[in-house]
Amino acid sequence: MRIALFAAAAAALTLTACSQQTEENAAATADAAGATAASAAEDTAVNAEAAADATAAATNEAAANVDAAAGTAARKTDAAVDAAARTE
């Protein structure tokens, strides 16, 4: 009878210790998951900012190219008008 009582007590202590370890592991896992989510959110924000900067730079470059093309078209139009005036 005593052996059964000691075995039951040992089993109860083992389960308690196991539960404590399980709780500690669960807490550590939750902390790690929270840190991972925070890191992912920060990376997303940094990447979004970099994408916005790249988009702005590309837009500025496109605007400069359009401006240059308009200038070229204006010069060629003027040259064509001058050439037409000389042939009359």
N, C-alpha and C. Protein backbone atom coordinates (compact mmCIF):
# COMPACT_ATOMS: atom_id res chain seq x y z
N MET A 1 0.80 -1.18 0.00
CA MET A 1 0.00 0.00 0.00
C MET A 1 0.86 1.26 0.00
N ARG A 2 1.91 1.23 0.81
CA ARG A 2 2.78 2.39 0.87
C ARG A 2 3.45 2.63 -0.48
N ILE A 3 3.83 1.57 -1.12
CA ILE A 3 4.49 1.71 -2.42
C ILE A 3 3.53 2.37 -3.41
N ALA A 4 2.29 1.97 -3.40
CA ALA A 4 1.30 2.57 -4.29
C ALA A 4 1.10 4.04 -3.96
N LEU A 5 1.11 4.38 -2.68
CA LEU A 5 0.94 5.76 -2.27
C LEU A 5 2.13 6.60 -2.72
N PHE A 6 3.33 6.06 -2.52
CA PHE A 6 4.53 6.78 -2.97
C PHE A 6 4.56 6.90 -4.49
N ALA A 7 4.14 5.88 -5.18
CA ALA A 7 4.10 5.93 -6.64
C ALA A 7 3.10 6.99 -7.11
N ALA A 8 1.95 7.07 -6.45
CA ALA A 8 0.95 8.07 -6.82
C ALA A 8 1.48 9.47 -6.53
N ALA A 9 2.16 9.64 -5.40
CA ALA A 9 2.72 10.94 -5.05
C ALA A 9 3.81 11.33 -6.05
N ALA A 10 4.65 10.37 -6.40
CA ALA A 10 5.71 10.64 -7.38
C ALA A 10 5.12 11.00 -8.74
N ALA A 11 4.08 10.30 -9.12
CA ALA A 11 3.42 10.59 -10.39
C ALA A 11 2.81 11.99 -10.36
N ALA A 12 2.20 12.37 -9.25
CA ALA A 12 1.61 13.70 -9.13
C ALA A 12 2.68 14.78 -9.21
N LEU A 13 3.81 14.57 -8.54
CA LEU A 13 4.91 15.52 -8.60
C LEU A 13 5.50 15.61 -10.01
N THR A 14 5.60 14.48 -10.67
CA THR A 14 6.12 14.46 -12.04
C THR A 14 5.19 15.24 -12.97
N LEU A 15 3.88 15.04 -12.82
CA LEU A 15 2.92 15.77 -13.65
C LEU A 15 2.98 17.27 -13.37
N THR A 16 3.13 17.64 -12.09
CA THR A 16 3.23 19.05 -11.73
C THR A 16 4.48 19.66 -12.34
N ALA A 17 5.59 18.95 -12.23
CA ALA A 17 6.84 19.45 -12.82
C ALA A 17 6.72 19.53 -14.33
N CYS A 18 6.10 18.54 -14.91
CA CYS A 18 5.91 18.53 -16.36
C CYS A 18 5.02 19.69 -16.78
N SER A 19 3.98 19.94 -16.00
CA SER A 19 3.08 21.04 -16.32
C SER A 19 3.81 22.37 -16.21
N GLN A 20 4.64 22.53 -15.19
CA GLN A 20 5.41 23.76 -15.03
C GLN A 20 6.34 23.95 -16.23
N GLN A 21 7.03 22.89 -16.63
CA GLN A 21 7.93 22.97 -17.79
C GLN A 21 7.14 23.29 -19.05
N THR A 22 5.97 22.66 -19.17
CA THR A 22 5.12 22.93 -20.33
C THR A 22 4.68 24.38 -20.35
N GLU A 23 4.31 24.92 -19.20
CA GLU A 23 3.91 26.33 -19.13
C GLU A 23 5.08 27.24 -19.50
N GLU A 24 6.26 26.92 -19.00
CA GLU A 24 7.44 27.73 -19.32
C GLU A 24 7.74 27.67 -20.82
N ASN A 25 7.63 26.47 -21.38
CA ASN A 25 7.87 26.33 -22.82
C ASN A 25 6.82 27.09 -23.64
N ALA A 26 5.57 27.01 -23.18
CA ALA A 26 4.50 27.73 -23.88
C ALA A 26 4.73 29.23 -23.81
N ALA A 27 5.16 29.72 -22.67
CA ALA A 27 5.44 31.15 -22.52
C ALA A 27 6.61 31.56 -23.42
N ALA A 28 7.65 30.73 -23.45
CA ALA A 28 8.79 31.04 -24.31
C ALA A 28 8.39 31.02 -25.77
N THR A 29 7.55 30.08 -26.15
CA THR A 29 7.07 30.01 -27.53
C THR A 29 6.23 31.23 -27.88
N ALA A 30 5.37 31.65 -26.97
CA ALA A 30 4.55 32.84 -27.19
C ALA A 30 5.42 34.08 -27.32
N ASP A 31 6.44 34.19 -26.48
CA ASP A 31 7.35 35.33 -26.57
C ASP A 31 8.07 35.34 -27.91
N ALA A 32 8.53 34.17 -28.33
CA ALA A 32 9.23 34.07 -29.62
C ALA A 32 8.29 34.42 -30.77
N ALA A 33 7.06 33.94 -30.70
CA ALA A 33 6.09 34.25 -31.76
C ALA A 33 5.80 35.75 -31.80
N GLY A 34 5.67 36.36 -30.64
CA GLY A 34 5.45 37.81 -30.58
C GLY A 34 6.63 38.58 -31.16
N ALA A 35 7.84 38.16 -30.84
CA ALA A 35 9.02 38.82 -31.38
C ALA A 35 9.10 38.65 -32.90
N THR A 36 8.74 37.46 -33.37
CA THR A 36 8.74 37.22 -34.81
C THR A 36 7.72 38.09 -35.52
N ALA A 37 6.54 38.21 -34.95
CA ALA A 37 5.50 39.05 -35.54
C ALA A 37 5.92 40.52 -35.55
N ALA A 38 6.53 40.97 -34.47
CA ALA A 38 6.99 42.36 -34.41
C ALA A 38 8.09 42.61 -35.44
N SER A 39 9.00 41.65 -35.57
CA SER A 39 10.07 41.78 -36.55
C SER A 39 9.51 41.81 -37.97
N ALA A 40 8.53 40.95 -38.24
CA ALA A 40 7.91 40.93 -39.57
C ALA A 40 7.20 42.24 -39.86
N ALA A 41 6.53 42.79 -38.87
CA ALA A 41 5.84 44.07 -39.06
C ALA A 41 6.84 45.18 -39.33
N GLU A 42 7.95 45.17 -38.61
CA GLU A 42 8.98 46.19 -38.83
C GLU A 42 9.60 46.04 -40.21
N ASP A 43 9.89 44.80 -40.62
CA ASP A 43 10.43 44.56 -41.96
C ASP A 43 9.46 45.01 -43.04
N THR A 44 8.18 44.76 -42.82
CA THR A 44 7.16 45.18 -43.78
C THR A 44 7.13 46.70 -43.91
N ALA A 45 7.22 47.39 -42.78
CA ALA A 45 7.21 48.85 -42.80
C ALA A 45 8.44 49.39 -43.53
N VAL A 46 9.60 48.80 -43.25
CA VAL A 46 10.84 49.24 -43.91
C VAL A 46 10.75 48.98 -45.42
N ASN A 47 10.25 47.81 -45.79
CA ASN A 47 10.12 47.48 -47.21
C ASN A 47 9.11 48.38 -47.91
N ALA A 48 8.02 48.71 -47.23
CA ALA A 48 7.01 49.61 -47.81
C ALA A 48 7.60 51.00 -48.03
N GLU A 49 8.39 51.45 -47.07
CA GLU A 49 9.03 52.76 -47.21
C GLU A 49 10.02 52.75 -48.37
N ALA A 50 10.80 51.68 -48.49
CA ALA A 50 11.75 51.57 -49.59
C ALA A 50 11.03 51.52 -50.94
N ALA A 51 9.91 50.81 -50.99
CA ALA A 51 9.13 50.74 -52.22
C ALA A 51 8.56 52.11 -52.57
N ALA A 52 8.10 52.84 -51.58
CA ALA A 52 7.57 54.19 -51.82
C ALA A 52 8.68 55.11 -52.34
N ASP A 53 9.86 55.00 -51.75
CA ASP A 53 10.99 55.81 -52.21
C ASP A 53 11.37 55.46 -53.65
N ALA A 54 11.39 54.17 -53.97
CA ALA A 54 11.72 53.74 -55.32
C ALA A 54 10.67 54.21 -56.31
N THR A 55 9.41 54.16 -55.91
CA THR A 55 8.32 54.62 -56.79
C THR A 55 8.43 56.12 -57.03
N ALA A 56 8.73 56.86 -56.00
CA ALA A 56 8.89 58.31 -56.15
C ALA A 56 10.06 58.63 -57.07
N ALA A 57 11.16 57.92 -56.92
CA ALA A 57 12.32 58.15 -57.78
C ALA A 57 11.99 57.81 -59.23
N ALA A 58 11.28 56.71 -59.45
CA ALA A 58 10.90 56.33 -60.81
C ALA A 58 9.94 57.35 -61.41
N THR A 59 9.03 57.86 -60.61
CA THR A 59 8.09 58.88 -61.09
C THR A 59 8.83 60.16 -61.47
N ASN A 60 9.77 60.55 -60.64
CA ASN A 60 10.56 61.75 -60.95
C ASN A 60 11.37 61.56 -62.22
N GLU A 61 11.94 60.39 -62.40
CA GLU A 61 12.72 60.11 -63.60
C GLU A 61 11.82 60.11 -64.83
N ALA A 62 10.63 59.52 -64.70
CA ALA A 62 9.69 59.51 -65.82
C ALA A 62 9.26 60.93 -66.18
N ALA A 63 9.03 61.76 -65.18
CA ALA A 63 8.65 63.15 -65.44
C ALA A 63 9.77 63.89 -66.14
N ALA A 64 11.00 63.65 -65.73
CA ALA A 64 12.15 64.28 -66.39
C ALA A 64 12.26 63.81 -67.84
N ASN A 65 12.02 62.51 -68.07
CA ASN A 65 12.07 61.98 -69.44
C ASN A 65 10.97 62.59 -70.31
N VAL A 66 9.78 62.75 -69.75
CA VAL A 66 8.68 63.37 -70.50
C VAL A 66 9.03 64.82 -70.82
N ASP A 67 9.59 65.51 -69.87
CA ASP A 67 9.99 66.91 -70.08
C ASP A 67 11.05 67.00 -71.18
N ALA A 68 12.02 66.12 -71.14
CA ALA A 68 13.07 66.10 -72.17
C ALA A 68 12.48 65.77 -73.53
N ALA A 69 11.56 64.82 -73.59
CA ALA A 69 10.93 64.45 -74.86
C ALA A 69 10.11 65.62 -75.41
N ALA A 70 9.42 66.32 -74.52
CA ALA A 70 8.64 67.49 -74.96
C ALA A 70 9.56 68.57 -75.52
N GLY A 71 10.69 68.76 -74.89
CA GLY A 71 11.67 69.74 -75.39
C GLY A 71 12.21 69.34 -76.75
N THR A 72 12.51 68.06 -76.91
CA THR A 72 13.00 67.56 -78.21
C THR A 72 11.94 67.73 -79.29
N ALA A 73 10.70 67.41 -78.95
CA ALA A 73 9.60 67.55 -79.91
C ALA A 73 9.43 69.02 -80.30
N ALA A 74 9.55 69.90 -79.34
CA ALA A 74 9.40 71.34 -79.64
C ALA A 74 10.51 71.81 -80.56
N ARG A 75 11.74 71.37 -80.30
CA ARG A 75 12.86 71.77 -81.16
C ARG A 75 12.69 71.24 -82.58
N LYS A 76 12.25 69.98 -82.69
CA LYS A 76 12.06 69.40 -84.02
C LYS A 76 10.91 70.07 -84.77
N THR A 77 9.88 70.43 -84.03
CA THR A 77 8.76 71.15 -84.66
C THR A 77 9.23 72.51 -85.17
N ASP A 78 10.00 73.21 -84.35
CA ASP A 78 10.53 74.50 -84.79
C ASP A 78 11.42 74.34 -86.01
N ALA A 79 12.25 73.30 -86.01
CA ALA A 79 13.13 73.06 -87.16
C ALA A 79 12.32 72.75 -88.41
N ALA A 80 11.25 71.99 -88.25
CA ALA A 80 10.40 71.68 -89.41
C ALA A 80 9.69 72.91 -89.94
N VAL A 81 9.24 73.77 -89.02
CA VAL A 81 8.57 75.02 -89.44
C VAL A 81 9.57 75.91 -90.17
N ASP A 82 10.80 76.02 -89.63
CA ASP A 82 11.83 76.82 -90.29
C ASP A 82 12.15 76.26 -91.68
N ALA A 83 12.28 74.94 -91.78
CA ALA A 83 12.57 74.32 -93.07
C ALA A 83 11.45 74.55 -94.06
N ALA A 84 10.24 74.46 -93.60
CA ALA A 84 9.08 74.69 -94.49
C ALA A 84 9.05 76.14 -94.94
N ALA A 85 9.40 77.06 -94.06
CA ALA A 85 9.40 78.47 -94.41
C ALA A 85 10.47 78.77 -95.45
N ARG A 86 11.58 78.09 -95.40
CA ARG A 86 12.66 78.32 -96.37
C ARG A 86 12.32 77.78 -97.74
N THR A 87 11.46 76.78 -97.83
CA THR A 87 11.13 76.19 -99.12
C THR A 87 10.01 76.92 -99.82
N GLU A 88 9.38 77.86 -99.21
CA GLU A 88 8.26 78.56 -99.86
C GLU A 88 8.76 79.57 -100.84
